[in-house]
Amino acid sequence: MAMWNILITLFSIGYGDVYTNTYLGRLIIVLLSFYGGFVISVITIVILGEFEMSKFENNSFTMMDFLVLKVRVLHGVTIQMRIRKLTKKMLFHKAKYVQAKKGKLLQKGAKAFHHARFLHFKNEFHEAVSVRSLTPGTEVQAKGRPVL
């Protein structure tokens, strides 16, 4: 009787509270239980087989992953180069602005020009850093410096 309750509960047919009295009836129910488990497993395999990729699809998917990774790397390198270029320009105009402020540059309007260019490159720099922060795989701290 205990084995009967275990099998019936295992196959989710019931709790074993209703059962047949004959051994032939119990044998038929056990065989049908195994058959039901087999049918469910075959259906599951067929459904999962539909979602499985073929060799060609798998190769295409791998190639697309590689291309996406390559684009991300190139995008990151491009942004990094832009940040370096903007930093150089920003520092150059900052130095010229400081020189003009101290009166060392004699050109008319040099102070305003270099200050305006400095602010322009500073804004571009902050935009480039914020774009880099949106690139997957990079994080930005509170001050806008990338975490390496």
N, C-alpha and C. Protein backbone atom coordinates (compact mmCIF):
# COMPACT_ATOMS: atom_id res chain seq x y z
N MET A 1 0.82 -1.20 0.00
CA MET A 1 0.00 0.00 0.00
C MET A 1 0.86 1.26 0.00
N ALA A 2 1.97 1.25 0.72
CA ALA A 2 2.84 2.42 0.78
C ALA A 2 3.45 2.71 -0.59
N MET A 3 3.87 1.66 -1.27
CA MET A 3 4.44 1.85 -2.60
C MET A 3 3.41 2.43 -3.55
N TRP A 4 2.19 2.01 -3.43
CA TRP A 4 1.11 2.54 -4.27
C TRP A 4 0.94 4.04 -4.03
N ASN A 5 0.90 4.47 -2.78
CA ASN A 5 0.75 5.89 -2.45
C ASN A 5 1.93 6.70 -2.99
N ILE A 6 3.14 6.15 -2.92
CA ILE A 6 4.33 6.85 -3.43
C ILE A 6 4.22 7.05 -4.93
N LEU A 7 3.87 6.00 -5.68
CA LEU A 7 3.77 6.10 -7.14
C LEU A 7 2.67 7.07 -7.56
N ILE A 8 1.53 6.98 -6.95
CA ILE A 8 0.41 7.85 -7.32
C ILE A 8 0.75 9.32 -7.03
N THR A 9 1.39 9.58 -5.91
CA THR A 9 1.78 10.95 -5.58
C THR A 9 2.91 11.44 -6.50
N LEU A 10 3.86 10.55 -6.81
CA LEU A 10 4.99 10.91 -7.67
C LEU A 10 4.53 11.34 -9.05
N PHE A 11 3.56 10.67 -9.61
CA PHE A 11 3.07 11.00 -10.95
C PHE A 11 1.96 12.05 -10.93
N SER A 12 1.71 12.65 -9.80
CA SER A 12 0.72 13.74 -9.65
C SER A 12 -0.67 13.32 -10.11
N ILE A 13 -1.02 12.05 -9.89
CA ILE A 13 -2.35 11.57 -10.25
C ILE A 13 -3.32 11.85 -9.13
N GLY A 14 -2.85 11.75 -7.93
CA GLY A 14 -3.72 11.97 -6.78
C GLY A 14 -2.92 11.78 -5.51
N TYR A 15 -3.61 11.64 -4.41
CA TYR A 15 -2.96 11.46 -3.11
C TYR A 15 -2.97 10.01 -2.66
N GLY A 16 -3.55 9.13 -3.45
CA GLY A 16 -3.63 7.74 -3.05
C GLY A 16 -4.85 7.44 -2.21
N ASP A 17 -5.75 8.40 -2.07
CA ASP A 17 -6.95 8.17 -1.27
C ASP A 17 -8.00 7.38 -2.04
N VAL A 18 -7.96 7.45 -3.38
CA VAL A 18 -8.86 6.66 -4.21
C VAL A 18 -7.99 5.71 -5.03
N TYR A 19 -8.26 4.44 -4.99
CA TYR A 19 -7.43 3.47 -5.71
C TYR A 19 -8.24 2.23 -6.01
N THR A 20 -7.68 1.42 -6.91
CA THR A 20 -8.36 0.18 -7.26
C THR A 20 -8.01 -0.90 -6.25
N ASN A 21 -8.85 -1.89 -6.17
CA ASN A 21 -8.64 -2.98 -5.20
C ASN A 21 -7.83 -4.13 -5.79
N THR A 22 -7.88 -4.29 -7.10
CA THR A 22 -7.20 -5.44 -7.72
C THR A 22 -5.78 -5.07 -8.13
N TYR A 23 -4.95 -6.11 -8.17
CA TYR A 23 -3.56 -5.87 -8.59
C TYR A 23 -3.47 -5.55 -10.08
N LEU A 24 -4.35 -6.12 -10.87
CA LEU A 24 -4.37 -5.84 -12.30
C LEU A 24 -4.71 -4.37 -12.55
N GLY A 25 -5.69 -3.84 -11.83
CA GLY A 25 -6.06 -2.42 -11.96
C GLY A 25 -4.90 -1.51 -11.55
N ARG A 26 -4.21 -1.88 -10.49
CA ARG A 26 -3.06 -1.08 -10.04
C ARG A 26 -1.92 -1.14 -11.07
N LEU A 27 -1.69 -2.30 -11.66
CA LEU A 27 -0.65 -2.43 -12.67
C LEU A 27 -0.96 -1.57 -13.89
N ILE A 28 -2.21 -1.58 -14.32
CA ILE A 28 -2.61 -0.76 -15.47
C ILE A 28 -2.42 0.72 -15.15
N ILE A 29 -2.80 1.16 -13.98
CA ILE A 29 -2.63 2.57 -13.61
C ILE A 29 -1.16 2.95 -13.54
N VAL A 30 -0.31 2.08 -13.02
CA VAL A 30 1.13 2.37 -12.96
C VAL A 30 1.70 2.47 -14.36
N LEU A 31 1.34 1.52 -15.24
CA LEU A 31 1.82 1.58 -16.63
C LEU A 31 1.35 2.84 -17.34
N LEU A 32 0.09 3.21 -17.14
CA LEU A 32 -0.42 4.45 -17.74
C LEU A 32 0.26 5.68 -17.14
N SER A 33 0.64 5.62 -15.89
CA SER A 33 1.36 6.74 -15.27
C SER A 33 2.73 6.93 -15.92
N PHE A 34 3.44 5.81 -16.12
CA PHE A 34 4.74 5.90 -16.80
C PHE A 34 4.58 6.40 -18.24
N TYR A 35 3.54 5.89 -18.91
CA TYR A 35 3.28 6.32 -20.28
C TYR A 35 2.96 7.82 -20.32
N GLY A 36 2.18 8.33 -19.36
CA GLY A 36 1.87 9.77 -19.30
C GLY A 36 3.12 10.61 -19.09
N GLY A 37 4.01 10.14 -18.21
CA GLY A 37 5.28 10.85 -18.00
C GLY A 37 6.12 10.86 -19.26
N PHE A 38 6.13 9.74 -19.99
CA PHE A 38 6.86 9.65 -21.25
C PHE A 38 6.30 10.62 -22.28
N VAL A 39 4.98 10.68 -22.42
CA VAL A 39 4.34 11.58 -23.40
C VAL A 39 4.66 13.04 -23.07
N ILE A 40 4.57 13.41 -21.81
CA ILE A 40 4.88 14.79 -21.41
C ILE A 40 6.34 15.13 -21.72
N SER A 41 7.26 14.19 -21.47
CA SER A 41 8.68 14.47 -21.74
C SER A 41 8.93 14.60 -23.25
N VAL A 42 8.26 13.78 -24.07
CA VAL A 42 8.43 13.89 -25.52
C VAL A 42 7.90 15.24 -26.01
N ILE A 43 6.76 15.65 -25.53
CA ILE A 43 6.20 16.96 -25.92
C ILE A 43 7.16 18.08 -25.53
N THR A 44 7.73 17.99 -24.33
CA THR A 44 8.69 19.01 -23.88
C THR A 44 9.91 19.04 -24.77
N ILE A 45 10.43 17.90 -25.16
CA ILE A 45 11.62 17.84 -26.03
C ILE A 45 11.30 18.45 -27.40
N VAL A 46 10.13 18.16 -27.94
CA VAL A 46 9.75 18.70 -29.25
C VAL A 46 9.63 20.22 -29.18
N ILE A 47 9.01 20.73 -28.14
CA ILE A 47 8.85 22.19 -28.00
C ILE A 47 10.21 22.86 -27.83
N LEU A 48 11.07 22.30 -26.99
CA LEU A 48 12.40 22.89 -26.80
C LEU A 48 13.25 22.78 -28.06
N GLY A 49 13.05 21.73 -28.85
CA GLY A 49 13.77 21.59 -30.12
C GLY A 49 13.44 22.70 -31.10
N GLU A 50 12.24 23.23 -31.03
CA GLU A 50 11.86 24.34 -31.90
C GLU A 50 12.62 25.61 -31.56
N PHE A 51 12.99 25.77 -30.30
CA PHE A 51 13.71 26.96 -29.88
C PHE A 51 15.22 26.84 -30.05
N GLU A 52 15.71 25.64 -30.32
CA GLU A 52 17.14 25.44 -30.46
C GLU A 52 17.60 25.97 -31.81
N MET A 53 18.77 26.61 -31.82
CA MET A 53 19.30 27.19 -33.05
C MET A 53 20.04 26.14 -33.86
N SER A 54 19.96 26.29 -35.18
CA SER A 54 20.74 25.42 -36.04
C SER A 54 22.20 25.88 -36.02
N LYS A 55 23.08 25.11 -36.65
CA LYS A 55 24.50 25.47 -36.67
C LYS A 55 24.69 26.82 -37.36
N PHE A 56 23.98 27.04 -38.47
CA PHE A 56 24.09 28.31 -39.20
C PHE A 56 23.59 29.47 -38.34
N GLU A 57 22.45 29.27 -37.66
CA GLU A 57 21.92 30.33 -36.80
C GLU A 57 22.87 30.63 -35.65
N ASN A 58 23.46 29.58 -35.09
CA ASN A 58 24.40 29.76 -33.98
C ASN A 58 25.63 30.53 -34.45
N ASN A 59 26.16 30.19 -35.64
CA ASN A 59 27.31 30.92 -36.18
C ASN A 59 26.96 32.38 -36.44
N SER A 60 25.77 32.63 -36.99
CA SER A 60 25.34 34.01 -37.25
C SER A 60 25.22 34.80 -35.95
N PHE A 61 24.64 34.16 -34.94
CA PHE A 61 24.47 34.81 -33.65
C PHE A 61 25.84 35.14 -33.03
N THR A 62 26.79 34.20 -33.13
CA THR A 62 28.13 34.43 -32.60
C THR A 62 28.81 35.58 -33.35
N MET A 63 28.64 35.63 -34.67
CA MET A 63 29.23 36.70 -35.48
C MET A 63 28.63 38.05 -35.10
N MET A 64 27.32 38.08 -34.88
CA MET A 64 26.69 39.35 -34.50
C MET A 64 27.17 39.80 -33.12
N ASP A 65 27.33 38.86 -32.19
CA ASP A 65 27.88 39.21 -30.88
C ASP A 65 29.27 39.81 -31.02
N PHE A 66 30.09 39.21 -31.88
CA PHE A 66 31.44 39.71 -32.11
C PHE A 66 31.41 41.11 -32.70
N LEU A 67 30.52 41.34 -33.67
CA LEU A 67 30.44 42.67 -34.29
C LEU A 67 29.96 43.73 -33.30
N VAL A 68 29.00 43.37 -32.46
CA VAL A 68 28.51 44.32 -31.44
C VAL A 68 29.64 44.66 -30.47
N LEU A 69 30.40 43.66 -30.07
CA LEU A 69 31.53 43.90 -29.18
C LEU A 69 32.57 44.78 -29.85
N LYS A 70 32.84 44.54 -31.12
CA LYS A 70 33.81 45.35 -31.86
C LYS A 70 33.36 46.81 -31.96
N VAL A 71 32.06 47.01 -32.23
CA VAL A 71 31.53 48.38 -32.32
C VAL A 71 31.64 49.07 -30.96
N ARG A 72 31.35 48.35 -29.89
CA ARG A 72 31.46 48.95 -28.55
C ARG A 72 32.89 49.34 -28.24
N VAL A 73 33.84 48.47 -28.60
CA VAL A 73 35.25 48.79 -28.35
C VAL A 73 35.67 49.99 -29.17
N LEU A 74 35.32 50.01 -30.47
CA LEU A 74 35.68 51.15 -31.32
C LEU A 74 35.03 52.44 -30.83
N HIS A 75 33.77 52.33 -30.38
CA HIS A 75 33.08 53.50 -29.85
C HIS A 75 33.80 54.03 -28.61
N GLY A 76 34.21 53.10 -27.74
CA GLY A 76 34.93 53.51 -26.53
C GLY A 76 36.26 54.15 -26.86
N VAL A 77 36.99 53.61 -27.84
CA VAL A 77 38.28 54.17 -28.24
C VAL A 77 38.08 55.55 -28.85
N THR A 78 37.05 55.68 -29.69
CA THR A 78 36.77 56.98 -30.33
C THR A 78 36.44 58.03 -29.27
N ILE A 79 35.61 57.68 -28.31
CA ILE A 79 35.25 58.62 -27.25
C ILE A 79 36.49 58.98 -26.44
N GLN A 80 37.34 58.00 -26.15
CA GLN A 80 38.54 58.27 -25.36
C GLN A 80 39.48 59.21 -26.12
N MET A 81 39.63 59.00 -27.43
CA MET A 81 40.48 59.89 -28.22
C MET A 81 39.90 61.30 -28.24
N ARG A 82 38.58 61.39 -28.36
CA ARG A 82 37.92 62.71 -28.37
C ARG A 82 38.14 63.41 -27.03
N ILE A 83 38.05 62.66 -25.93
CA ILE A 83 38.25 63.25 -24.61
C ILE A 83 39.68 63.78 -24.48
N ARG A 84 40.67 63.01 -24.96
CA ARG A 84 42.06 63.47 -24.90
C ARG A 84 42.28 64.73 -25.73
N LYS A 85 41.70 64.75 -26.94
CA LYS A 85 41.85 65.92 -27.81
C LYS A 85 41.21 67.15 -27.17
N LEU A 86 40.01 66.97 -26.61
CA LEU A 86 39.33 68.09 -25.97
C LEU A 86 40.08 68.57 -24.73
N THR A 87 40.70 67.64 -24.02
CA THR A 87 41.48 68.03 -22.84
C THR A 87 42.66 68.89 -23.25
N LYS A 88 43.36 68.51 -24.32
CA LYS A 88 44.49 69.31 -24.80
C LYS A 88 44.04 70.70 -25.21
N LYS A 89 42.95 70.77 -26.00
CA LYS A 89 42.45 72.07 -26.44
C LYS A 89 41.99 72.91 -25.26
N MET A 90 41.31 72.27 -24.31
CA MET A 90 40.81 72.98 -23.15
C MET A 90 41.97 73.56 -22.34
N LEU A 91 43.00 72.76 -22.11
CA LEU A 91 44.16 73.24 -21.35
C LEU A 91 44.91 74.34 -22.09
N PHE A 92 45.01 74.23 -23.42
CA PHE A 92 45.67 75.26 -24.22
C PHE A 92 44.95 76.60 -24.06
N HIS A 93 43.64 76.60 -24.24
CA HIS A 93 42.88 77.85 -24.16
C HIS A 93 42.81 78.36 -22.72
N LYS A 94 42.85 77.48 -21.75
CA LYS A 94 42.89 77.91 -20.35
C LYS A 94 44.19 78.65 -20.07
N ALA A 95 45.30 78.10 -20.59
CA ALA A 95 46.60 78.76 -20.40
C ALA A 95 46.63 80.11 -21.10
N LYS A 96 46.13 80.17 -22.33
CA LYS A 96 46.10 81.44 -23.07
C LYS A 96 45.19 82.46 -22.37
N TYR A 97 44.08 82.00 -21.80
CA TYR A 97 43.18 82.89 -21.08
C TYR A 97 43.88 83.46 -19.85
N VAL A 98 44.61 82.61 -19.15
CA VAL A 98 45.34 83.08 -17.96
C VAL A 98 46.40 84.09 -18.36
N GLN A 99 47.11 83.82 -19.47
CA GLN A 99 48.12 84.77 -19.96
C GLN A 99 47.47 86.10 -20.33
N ALA A 100 46.32 86.04 -21.03
CA ALA A 100 45.63 87.27 -21.43
C ALA A 100 45.12 88.02 -20.21
N LYS A 101 44.70 87.31 -19.20
CA LYS A 101 44.19 87.93 -17.97
C LYS A 101 45.30 88.68 -17.25
N LYS A 102 46.51 88.11 -17.31
CA LYS A 102 47.65 88.76 -16.66
C LYS A 102 48.25 89.88 -17.52
N GLY A 103 47.75 90.03 -18.74
CA GLY A 103 48.23 91.09 -19.61
C GLY A 103 49.43 90.71 -20.44
N LYS A 104 49.76 89.44 -20.52
CA LYS A 104 50.92 89.02 -21.28
C LYS A 104 50.62 88.90 -22.77
N LEU A 105 49.36 88.75 -23.15
CA LEU A 105 48.99 88.72 -24.56
C LEU A 105 48.51 90.10 -24.98
N LEU A 106 49.02 90.60 -26.11
CA LEU A 106 48.69 91.96 -26.52
C LEU A 106 47.56 92.01 -27.54
N GLN A 107 47.12 90.87 -28.07
CA GLN A 107 46.06 90.90 -29.07
C GLN A 107 44.76 91.40 -28.43
N LYS A 108 44.06 92.20 -29.21
CA LYS A 108 42.81 92.76 -28.72
C LYS A 108 41.74 91.65 -28.67
N GLY A 109 41.10 91.51 -27.56
CA GLY A 109 40.03 90.53 -27.40
C GLY A 109 40.53 89.11 -27.14
N ALA A 110 41.84 88.95 -26.90
CA ALA A 110 42.39 87.60 -26.69
C ALA A 110 41.79 86.97 -25.42
N LYS A 111 41.58 87.78 -24.39
CA LYS A 111 41.06 87.26 -23.14
C LYS A 111 39.67 86.67 -23.35
N ALA A 112 38.80 87.42 -24.01
CA ALA A 112 37.43 86.95 -24.23
C ALA A 112 37.41 85.74 -25.17
N PHE A 113 38.26 85.79 -26.21
CA PHE A 113 38.29 84.69 -27.18
C PHE A 113 38.72 83.39 -26.50
N HIS A 114 39.83 83.43 -25.79
CA HIS A 114 40.34 82.20 -25.18
C HIS A 114 39.42 81.71 -24.06
N HIS A 115 38.78 82.64 -23.35
CA HIS A 115 37.85 82.22 -22.32
C HIS A 115 36.64 81.53 -22.95
N ALA A 116 36.14 82.10 -24.03
CA ALA A 116 34.99 81.49 -24.72
C ALA A 116 35.35 80.12 -25.29
N ARG A 117 36.55 80.02 -25.90
CA ARG A 117 36.97 78.72 -26.45
C ARG A 117 37.16 77.69 -25.33
N PHE A 118 37.71 78.15 -24.19
CA PHE A 118 37.89 77.25 -23.05
C PHE A 118 36.55 76.70 -22.58
N LEU A 119 35.55 77.58 -22.44
CA LEU A 119 34.23 77.15 -22.00
C LEU A 119 33.58 76.21 -23.02
N HIS A 120 33.80 76.51 -24.32
CA HIS A 120 33.25 75.67 -25.36
C HIS A 120 33.82 74.24 -25.26
N PHE A 121 35.14 74.13 -25.15
CA PHE A 121 35.77 72.82 -25.08
C PHE A 121 35.45 72.12 -23.75
N LYS A 122 35.28 72.92 -22.71
CA LYS A 122 34.90 72.32 -21.42
C LYS A 122 33.52 71.67 -21.52
N ASN A 123 32.57 72.35 -22.18
CA ASN A 123 31.24 71.78 -22.37
C ASN A 123 31.29 70.52 -23.24
N GLU A 124 32.08 70.58 -24.32
CA GLU A 124 32.22 69.40 -25.17
C GLU A 124 32.84 68.24 -24.40
N PHE A 125 33.81 68.57 -23.54
CA PHE A 125 34.46 67.54 -22.74
C PHE A 125 33.44 66.85 -21.83
N HIS A 126 32.60 67.64 -21.17
CA HIS A 126 31.59 67.06 -20.28
C HIS A 126 30.57 66.22 -21.05
N GLU A 127 30.24 66.66 -22.28
CA GLU A 127 29.34 65.85 -23.11
C GLU A 127 30.00 64.52 -23.47
N ALA A 128 31.28 64.57 -23.83
CA ALA A 128 31.99 63.35 -24.21
C ALA A 128 32.08 62.40 -23.02
N VAL A 129 32.33 62.93 -21.84
CA VAL A 129 32.41 62.07 -20.65
C VAL A 129 31.04 61.48 -20.36
N SER A 130 29.97 62.25 -20.52
CA SER A 130 28.64 61.71 -20.25
C SER A 130 28.26 60.67 -21.30
N VAL A 131 28.70 60.84 -22.56
CA VAL A 131 28.45 59.82 -23.58
C VAL A 131 29.20 58.56 -23.23
N ARG A 132 30.44 58.71 -22.75
CA ARG A 132 31.23 57.53 -22.37
C ARG A 132 30.57 56.82 -21.20
N SER A 133 29.92 57.59 -20.33
CA SER A 133 29.29 56.94 -19.19
C SER A 133 28.09 56.10 -19.62
N LEU A 134 27.51 56.43 -20.79
CA LEU A 134 26.38 55.65 -21.28
C LEU A 134 26.83 54.41 -22.05
N THR A 135 28.12 54.35 -22.39
CA THR A 135 28.65 53.20 -23.09
C THR A 135 28.63 52.00 -22.15
N PRO A 136 28.12 50.86 -22.60
CA PRO A 136 28.07 49.68 -21.72
C PRO A 136 29.46 49.29 -21.23
N GLY A 137 29.54 48.92 -19.99
CA GLY A 137 30.80 48.46 -19.43
C GLY A 137 31.60 49.54 -18.75
N THR A 138 31.12 50.80 -18.77
CA THR A 138 31.84 51.86 -18.07
C THR A 138 30.91 52.49 -17.06
N GLU A 139 31.48 52.95 -15.97
CA GLU A 139 30.72 53.62 -14.94
C GLU A 139 31.36 54.98 -14.68
N VAL A 140 30.60 55.90 -14.17
CA VAL A 140 31.12 57.23 -13.89
C VAL A 140 30.87 57.55 -12.43
N GLN A 141 31.89 58.08 -11.77
CA GLN A 141 31.73 58.48 -10.39
C GLN A 141 30.99 59.81 -10.34
N ALA A 142 30.79 60.32 -9.13
CA ALA A 142 30.02 61.56 -8.95
C ALA A 142 30.66 62.75 -9.65
N LYS A 143 31.99 62.82 -9.72
CA LYS A 143 32.65 63.96 -10.32
C LYS A 143 32.79 63.84 -11.83
N GLY A 144 32.26 62.77 -12.44
CA GLY A 144 32.32 62.63 -13.89
C GLY A 144 33.57 61.96 -14.40
N ARG A 145 34.37 61.41 -13.48
CA ARG A 145 35.58 60.71 -13.92
C ARG A 145 35.26 59.23 -14.14
N PRO A 146 35.69 58.68 -15.27
CA PRO A 146 35.40 57.27 -15.52
C PRO A 146 36.11 56.37 -14.53
N VAL A 147 35.44 55.33 -14.12
CA VAL A 147 36.04 54.32 -13.25
C VAL A 147 36.73 53.31 -14.13
N LEU A 148 37.99 53.06 -13.89
CA LEU A 148 38.73 52.11 -14.72
C LEU A 148 38.86 50.78 -14.04
